[in-house]
Amino acid sequence: MVKNNDRESGFIGESPVIQEMRRLIARVARVPSNVLITGESGTGKELIAREIHRMSPRSAQPFIAVNCAAIPENLVESELFGFEKGAFSGAMRTSKGKFELADGGTLMLDEIGDMPLAVQAKLLRVLQENEITRLGGEHKVIKINVRVIAATHRDLESEIEESRFRQDLFYRICTHIVRVPPLRERLEDIQPLTVHFVQQICQRFEMPVPAVHPSTIAALQQYHWRKNNVRELENVVERMIVQCDGEQLLPRHIPKEILAADVFSESPETGQANEKLSGALSIDLDPESGKSFQELKQDAERQIVQQHLEENEWHITNTAKALGIANHSNLIKIMKRLGIKKPKDE
């Protein structure tokens, strides 16, 4: 069963994209069709699947989630369809697969784009016939009633072009497509998400709940959030809480690699965005240090560059490589901007 927790983190926020996604989920939940959820890592695809199940007529029945990417290739078939006693070495008893366990309810196939082609063919047959055959039980057909919700961070249409995903299976699972937006497309939701994580984490740690200063939210909204989205934000908030030594979460509590992240990006878009934001950032003060966000950001950049230079014995090319900067001349420009000079005694 799925517990109806108050406001799952993937749904927190009132941005237009989240409101539209809520409306789509409500419509999709009412019908029994299969669903494909797409989105980057950490955007909350499993939360969406659970919400669809919770709002559906199947809500009183099981919800089973399986990560196709986490199962060894030689075990995917037995994990999904089960196996009979003696089907293979070590099969000491009959075991139901995920489809049988989810009978009457919903089966979420997470990271379906990682499913081996041979298993894709068998999955297609299951979706067409609504029946499975356990491994080693070729003459025993088991009828099932399962709604499949698939999810992936991959572009399945590109995978089809590369012959890594079956087109016929794609059309079976994508009756409805729900795209989960990345965090960088819903920056206005960072404030309620951050407050939610602060309360959740402090409750878990049995700590006093600090207030979140507006300048901290402004600082978090400047980060690109391209790696793990909401999951990454939760991790950052937890690290900030550990660093917090007062009653407020301030910009100086943000991990330095987050503050300094964009300085090493060579994307023209990132550079233009930072240039446009520089004026606004100068007025976001850290109330305790008296420094603007831009000053805190430069302090973090300076510390990270200095640390890498020292670790690489001030070898510019090696340091640039360690920082992910393709052209060492760009590192020299960054050093000049930050006022970093090689010590004379080096």
Protein backbone atom coordinates (compact mmCIF):
# COMPACT_ATOMS: atom_id res chain seq x y z
CA MET A 1 0.00 0.00 0.00
CA VAL A 2 1.04 3.62 -0.38
CA LYS A 3 0.94 5.89 2.63
CA ASN A 4 -0.52 9.30 1.94
CA ASN A 5 2.29 11.38 3.41
CA ASP A 6 1.71 15.10 3.75
CA ARG A 7 3.07 16.86 0.69
CA GLU A 8 5.76 14.68 -0.80
CA SER A 9 8.82 16.75 -1.68
CA GLY A 10 8.41 16.21 -5.41
CA PHE A 11 5.06 18.03 -5.27
CA ILE A 12 5.99 20.95 -3.05
CA GLY A 13 5.76 24.28 -4.83
CA GLU A 14 3.31 26.41 -6.73
CA SER A 15 5.30 27.12 -9.90
CA PRO A 16 3.26 26.98 -13.14
CA VAL A 17 5.03 23.78 -14.29
CA ILE A 18 4.25 21.98 -11.03
CA GLN A 19 0.62 23.11 -11.08
CA GLU A 20 0.23 21.84 -14.65
CA MET A 21 1.88 18.53 -13.70
CA ARG A 22 -0.56 18.13 -10.79
CA ARG A 23 -3.50 18.62 -13.16
CA LEU A 24 -2.08 16.07 -15.61
CA ILE A 25 -1.48 13.51 -12.86
CA ALA A 26 -5.07 13.87 -11.65
CA ARG A 27 -6.36 13.18 -15.17
CA VAL A 28 -4.01 10.26 -15.80
CA ALA A 29 -4.77 8.62 -12.44
CA ARG A 30 -8.45 8.16 -13.31
CA VAL A 31 -7.82 5.86 -16.29
CA PRO A 32 -6.13 2.42 -16.29
CA SER A 33 -3.71 3.12 -19.17
CA ASN A 34 0.05 2.63 -18.87
CA VAL A 35 2.14 5.72 -18.13
CA LEU A 36 5.67 6.82 -18.98
CA ILE A 37 7.31 9.29 -16.59
CA THR A 38 10.36 11.11 -17.95
CA GLY A 39 12.77 13.39 -16.14
CA GLU A 40 16.32 13.87 -14.96
CA SER A 41 17.77 12.03 -11.97
CA GLY A 42 16.52 13.34 -8.65
CA THR A 43 13.40 15.05 -9.96
CA GLY A 44 11.02 12.73 -8.07
CA LYS A 45 9.77 10.26 -10.70
CA GLU A 46 8.93 7.58 -8.14
CA LEU A 47 6.96 10.11 -6.08
CA ILE A 48 4.92 10.89 -9.19
CA ALA A 49 4.27 7.19 -9.79
CA ARG A 50 3.16 6.74 -6.18
CA GLU A 51 0.84 9.74 -6.45
CA ILE A 52 -0.75 8.38 -9.64
CA HIS A 53 -1.34 5.07 -7.84
CA ARG A 54 -2.70 6.82 -4.72
CA MET A 55 -5.23 8.78 -6.78
CA SER A 56 -6.27 5.80 -8.91
CA PRO A 57 -9.03 3.20 -8.36
CA ARG A 58 -6.18 0.76 -7.58
CA SER A 59 -5.02 2.69 -4.50
CA ALA A 60 -6.09 -0.05 -2.07
CA GLN A 61 -3.98 -2.60 -3.97
CA PRO A 62 -0.17 -3.06 -3.96
CA PHE A 63 2.29 -0.56 -5.39
CA ILE A 64 5.57 -2.27 -6.31
CA ALA A 65 8.61 -0.36 -7.56
CA VAL A 66 11.60 -2.01 -9.21
CA ASN A 67 14.73 -0.30 -10.51
CA CYS A 68 15.66 -2.04 -13.76
CA ALA A 69 19.14 -0.48 -13.72
CA ALA A 70 19.93 -1.93 -10.29
CA ILE A 71 19.25 -5.58 -11.18
CA PRO A 72 22.04 -7.66 -12.77
CA GLU A 73 21.14 -8.46 -16.37
CA ASN A 74 20.97 -12.20 -15.75
CA LEU A 75 18.45 -11.72 -12.92
CA VAL A 76 16.02 -9.23 -14.50
CA GLU A 77 13.72 -11.90 -15.93
CA SER A 78 13.41 -13.90 -12.70
CA GLU A 79 12.96 -10.68 -10.69
CA LEU A 80 10.06 -9.52 -12.86
CA PHE A 81 8.35 -12.79 -13.75
CA GLY A 82 9.40 -15.08 -10.89
CA PHE A 83 10.73 -18.64 -11.11
CA GLU A 84 9.75 -22.21 -10.34
CA LYS A 85 11.62 -24.46 -7.96
CA GLY A 86 14.59 -26.00 -9.80
CA ALA A 87 14.47 -23.45 -12.64
CA PHE A 88 18.19 -22.82 -12.16
CA SER A 89 20.99 -23.63 -9.77
CA GLY A 90 20.03 -22.23 -6.38
CA ALA A 91 16.27 -22.07 -7.08
CA MET A 92 15.33 -24.08 -3.99
CA ARG A 93 11.72 -22.88 -3.96
CA THR A 94 9.14 -21.25 -6.19
CA SER A 95 9.22 -17.46 -6.05
CA LYS A 96 6.74 -14.89 -7.31
CA GLY A 97 8.04 -12.05 -9.46
CA LYS A 98 7.18 -8.36 -9.23
CA PHE A 99 4.28 -8.69 -11.67
CA GLU A 100 2.54 -11.26 -9.49
CA LEU A 101 3.24 -9.28 -6.33
CA ALA A 102 1.66 -6.20 -7.93
CA ASP A 103 -1.42 -8.07 -9.18
CA GLY A 104 -4.47 -5.82 -8.95
CA GLY A 105 -2.28 -2.80 -8.33
CA THR A 106 0.55 -0.88 -9.95
CA LEU A 107 4.05 -1.90 -10.98
CA MET A 108 6.59 0.86 -11.45
CA LEU A 109 9.46 -0.06 -13.79
CA ASP A 110 12.04 2.59 -12.97
CA GLU A 111 14.87 3.21 -15.46
CA ILE A 112 13.16 1.07 -18.08
CA GLY A 113 15.64 2.41 -20.63
CA ASP A 114 18.27 0.18 -18.99
CA MET A 115 16.27 -3.01 -19.52
CA PRO A 116 18.03 -5.62 -21.73
CA LEU A 117 16.49 -6.07 -25.19
CA ALA A 118 15.73 -9.75 -24.56
CA VAL A 119 13.68 -8.85 -21.49
CA GLN A 120 12.01 -5.99 -23.38
CA ALA A 121 10.59 -8.56 -25.81
CA LYS A 122 9.12 -10.60 -22.95
CA LEU A 123 7.75 -7.49 -21.26
CA LEU A 124 6.01 -6.53 -24.50
CA ARG A 125 4.26 -9.89 -24.57
CA VAL A 126 3.18 -9.50 -20.93
CA LEU A 127 1.66 -6.09 -21.68
CA GLN A 128 -0.11 -7.46 -24.75
CA GLU A 129 -1.47 -10.66 -23.20
CA ASN A 130 -1.81 -9.67 -19.51
CA GLU A 131 -0.17 -12.91 -18.48
CA ILE A 132 3.25 -14.06 -17.34
CA THR A 133 5.18 -17.31 -17.27
CA ARG A 134 7.64 -17.91 -14.47
CA LEU A 135 11.17 -18.92 -15.32
CA GLY A 136 11.20 -22.72 -15.52
CA GLY A 137 7.41 -22.89 -15.75
CA GLU A 138 6.92 -22.70 -19.51
CA HIS A 139 3.64 -24.63 -19.43
CA LYS A 140 2.07 -22.64 -16.59
CA VAL A 141 0.51 -19.35 -17.70
CA ILE A 142 -0.52 -16.94 -14.93
CA LYS A 143 -3.08 -14.22 -15.65
CA ILE A 144 -2.31 -10.82 -14.14
CA ASN A 145 -4.06 -7.47 -13.77
CA VAL A 146 -1.34 -4.85 -13.38
CA ARG A 147 -1.03 -1.22 -14.39
CA VAL A 148 2.52 -0.44 -15.48
CA ILE A 149 4.10 2.94 -14.83
CA ALA A 150 7.51 3.14 -16.49
CA ALA A 151 10.09 5.83 -15.78
CA THR A 152 13.39 6.85 -17.33
CA HIS A 153 15.95 9.64 -17.44
CA ARG A 154 16.88 8.61 -20.99
CA ASP A 155 15.53 9.89 -24.30
CA LEU A 156 13.80 6.68 -25.38
CA GLU A 157 13.21 7.91 -28.93
CA SER A 158 16.97 8.33 -29.34
CA GLU A 159 17.46 4.90 -27.78
CA ILE A 160 15.07 3.48 -30.41
CA GLU A 161 17.12 5.08 -33.20
CA GLU A 162 20.24 3.47 -31.73
CA SER A 163 18.44 0.09 -31.58
CA ARG A 164 18.74 -0.04 -27.79
CA PHE A 165 15.01 0.15 -27.10
CA ARG A 166 12.09 -1.50 -28.86
CA GLN A 167 9.73 0.85 -30.65
CA ASP A 168 6.73 -1.44 -30.15
CA LEU A 169 7.38 -1.53 -26.40
CA PHE A 170 7.71 2.26 -26.34
CA TYR A 171 4.21 2.65 -27.77
CA ARG A 172 2.86 0.15 -25.23
CA ILE A 173 4.18 2.08 -22.23
CA CYS A 174 3.66 5.68 -23.38
CA THR A 175 -0.13 5.95 -23.61
CA HIS A 176 0.33 8.92 -21.30
CA ILE A 177 3.63 10.77 -20.81
CA VAL A 178 4.31 12.80 -17.67
CA ARG A 179 7.42 14.97 -17.85
CA VAL A 180 8.84 15.93 -14.46
CA PRO A 181 10.54 19.35 -14.77
CA PRO A 182 14.10 19.80 -13.50
CA LEU A 183 14.62 22.09 -10.54
CA ARG A 184 16.24 24.80 -12.68
CA GLU A 185 12.88 25.21 -14.49
CA ARG A 186 11.05 25.83 -11.21
CA LEU A 187 13.40 28.06 -9.23
CA GLU A 188 10.50 29.69 -7.39
CA ASP A 189 9.90 26.32 -5.70
CA ILE A 190 13.35 26.33 -4.06
CA GLN A 191 12.03 28.40 -1.14
CA PRO A 192 9.19 26.03 -0.08
CA LEU A 193 11.35 22.98 -0.82
CA THR A 194 14.19 24.31 1.32
CA VAL A 195 11.86 25.10 4.23
CA HIS A 196 10.32 21.62 3.91
CA PHE A 197 13.73 19.91 3.99
CA VAL A 198 14.90 22.04 6.94
CA GLN A 199 11.87 20.99 8.98
CA GLN A 200 12.13 17.35 7.90
CA ILE A 201 15.87 17.04 8.57
CA CYS A 202 15.78 18.88 11.91
CA GLN A 203 12.96 16.64 13.06
CA ARG A 204 15.02 13.59 12.10
CA PHE A 205 18.13 14.94 13.86
CA GLU A 206 16.07 16.21 16.84
CA MET A 207 17.53 19.70 16.37
CA PRO A 208 16.00 23.18 16.67
CA VAL A 209 14.60 24.40 13.35
CA PRO A 210 16.53 27.44 12.06
CA ALA A 211 14.89 30.13 9.96
CA VAL A 212 15.98 30.38 6.32
CA HIS A 213 17.17 33.89 5.49
CA PRO A 214 15.88 35.31 2.16
CA SER A 215 19.46 35.88 0.98
CA THR A 216 20.09 32.15 1.37
CA ILE A 217 17.17 31.35 -0.91
CA ALA A 218 18.44 33.93 -3.42
CA ALA A 219 21.86 32.27 -3.34
CA LEU A 220 20.44 28.77 -3.85
CA GLN A 221 18.42 30.03 -6.81
CA GLN A 222 21.64 31.01 -8.62
CA TYR A 223 22.98 27.44 -8.68
CA HIS A 224 22.33 25.50 -11.91
CA TRP A 225 20.98 22.28 -10.25
CA ARG A 226 21.97 20.05 -13.16
CA LYS A 227 23.07 16.90 -11.31
CA ASN A 228 20.42 15.50 -9.00
CA ASN A 229 17.83 18.26 -8.79
CA VAL A 230 15.55 18.03 -5.72
CA ARG A 231 17.63 15.19 -4.29
CA GLU A 232 20.74 17.38 -4.54
CA LEU A 233 18.94 20.29 -2.87
CA GLU A 234 17.99 18.03 0.04
CA ASN A 235 21.64 16.98 0.40
CA VAL A 236 22.80 20.62 0.34
CA VAL A 237 20.22 21.64 2.96
CA GLU A 238 21.35 18.83 5.27
CA ARG A 239 24.97 19.97 4.97
CA MET A 240 23.91 23.56 5.69
CA ILE A 241 22.06 22.50 8.84
CA VAL A 242 25.16 20.73 10.13
CA GLN A 243 27.21 23.89 9.49
CA CYS A 244 24.64 26.23 11.05
CA ASP A 245 25.78 27.72 14.37
CA GLY A 246 22.91 30.10 14.99
CA GLU A 247 19.19 30.57 14.54
CA GLN A 248 19.31 31.26 10.78
CA LEU A 249 20.58 29.47 7.69
CA LEU A 250 22.74 32.06 5.93
CA PRO A 251 24.56 32.12 2.57
CA ARG A 252 27.86 31.37 4.33
CA HIS A 253 26.44 27.99 5.35
CA ILE A 254 26.05 26.95 1.70
CA PRO A 255 28.80 24.47 0.67
CA LYS A 256 31.63 26.30 -1.09
CA GLU A 257 31.51 24.09 -4.18
CA ILE A 258 27.87 25.11 -4.65
CA LEU A 259 28.64 28.82 -4.26
CA ALA A 260 31.57 28.58 -6.67
CA ALA A 261 30.11 26.06 -9.14
CA ASP A 262 29.47 28.38 -12.08
CA VAL A 263 32.93 29.96 -12.10
CA PHE A 264 34.33 26.82 -13.74
CA SER A 265 31.51 26.46 -16.27
CA GLU A 266 32.54 27.34 -19.81
CA SER A 267 28.96 27.48 -21.08
CA PRO A 268 28.15 30.83 -22.75
CA GLU A 269 24.64 30.64 -21.27
CA THR A 270 25.99 30.32 -17.74
CA GLY A 271 28.38 33.20 -18.26
CA GLN A 272 25.64 35.46 -19.60
CA ALA A 273 23.32 34.53 -16.75
CA ASN A 274 25.97 35.28 -14.14
CA GLU A 275 26.71 38.63 -15.78
CA LYS A 276 23.04 39.61 -15.69
CA LEU A 277 22.70 38.53 -12.06
CA SER A 278 25.83 40.19 -10.71
CA GLY A 279 24.07 43.49 -9.98
CA ALA A 280 21.20 41.84 -8.15
CA LEU A 281 23.52 39.60 -6.15
CA SER A 282 25.45 42.55 -4.75
CA ILE A 283 22.46 43.62 -2.64
CA ASP A 284 21.82 40.20 -1.06
CA LEU A 285 23.75 40.61 2.18
CA ASP A 286 24.71 37.91 4.64
CA PRO A 287 23.36 39.64 7.76
CA GLU A 288 26.11 38.37 10.08
CA SER A 289 29.21 38.77 7.92
CA GLY A 290 28.00 41.92 6.16
CA LYS A 291 29.22 40.47 2.87
CA SER A 292 27.17 40.42 -0.31
CA PHE A 293 26.41 37.11 -1.96
CA GLN A 294 28.84 38.06 -4.74
CA GLU A 295 31.60 38.53 -2.15
CA LEU A 296 30.81 35.21 -0.49
CA LYS A 297 30.82 33.55 -3.90
CA GLN A 298 34.23 35.01 -4.74
CA ASP A 299 35.60 33.92 -1.36
CA ALA A 300 34.47 30.36 -2.12
CA GLU A 301 35.90 30.50 -5.65
CA ARG A 302 39.22 31.81 -4.35
CA GLN A 303 39.49 29.08 -1.72
CA ILE A 304 38.71 26.28 -4.17
CA VAL A 305 41.11 27.54 -6.87
CA GLN A 306 43.85 28.14 -4.29
CA GLN A 307 43.39 24.64 -2.86
CA HIS A 308 43.64 22.98 -6.29
CA LEU A 309 46.70 25.05 -7.22
CA GLU A 310 48.48 23.97 -4.05
CA GLU A 311 47.50 20.33 -4.55
CA ASN A 312 48.93 20.48 -8.09
CA GLU A 313 52.07 22.41 -7.01
CA TRP A 314 50.89 25.47 -8.96
CA HIS A 315 50.99 23.60 -12.28
CA ILE A 316 48.42 25.57 -14.31
CA THR A 317 47.52 22.89 -16.88
CA ASN A 318 47.07 20.16 -14.26
CA THR A 319 45.02 22.47 -12.05
CA ALA A 320 42.77 23.46 -14.96
CA LYS A 321 42.18 19.78 -15.72
CA ALA A 322 41.38 19.05 -12.06
CA LEU A 323 38.84 21.88 -12.04
CA GLY A 324 37.26 20.74 -15.32
CA ILE A 325 38.47 23.81 -17.24
CA ALA A 326 39.32 22.81 -20.81
CA ASN A 327 41.58 25.78 -21.60
CA HIS A 328 44.32 26.63 -19.08
CA SER A 329 44.27 30.27 -20.26
CA ASN A 330 40.77 30.54 -18.74
CA LEU A 331 42.21 29.50 -15.39
CA ILE A 332 44.81 32.27 -15.65
CA LYS A 333 41.97 34.77 -16.24
CA ILE A 334 40.09 33.42 -13.21
CA MET A 335 43.23 33.71 -11.07
CA LYS A 336 43.68 37.34 -12.12
CA ARG A 337 40.05 38.14 -11.37
CA LEU A 338 40.32 36.57 -7.93
CA GLY A 339 43.69 38.16 -7.19
CA ILE A 340 45.49 34.82 -6.85
CA LYS A 341 49.25 34.93 -7.35
CA LYS A 342 51.87 32.23 -7.01
CA PRO A 343 53.92 32.76 -3.83
CA LYS A 344 57.42 34.01 -4.58
CA ASP A 345 59.08 31.24 -2.60
CA GLU A 346 57.38 28.49 -4.64
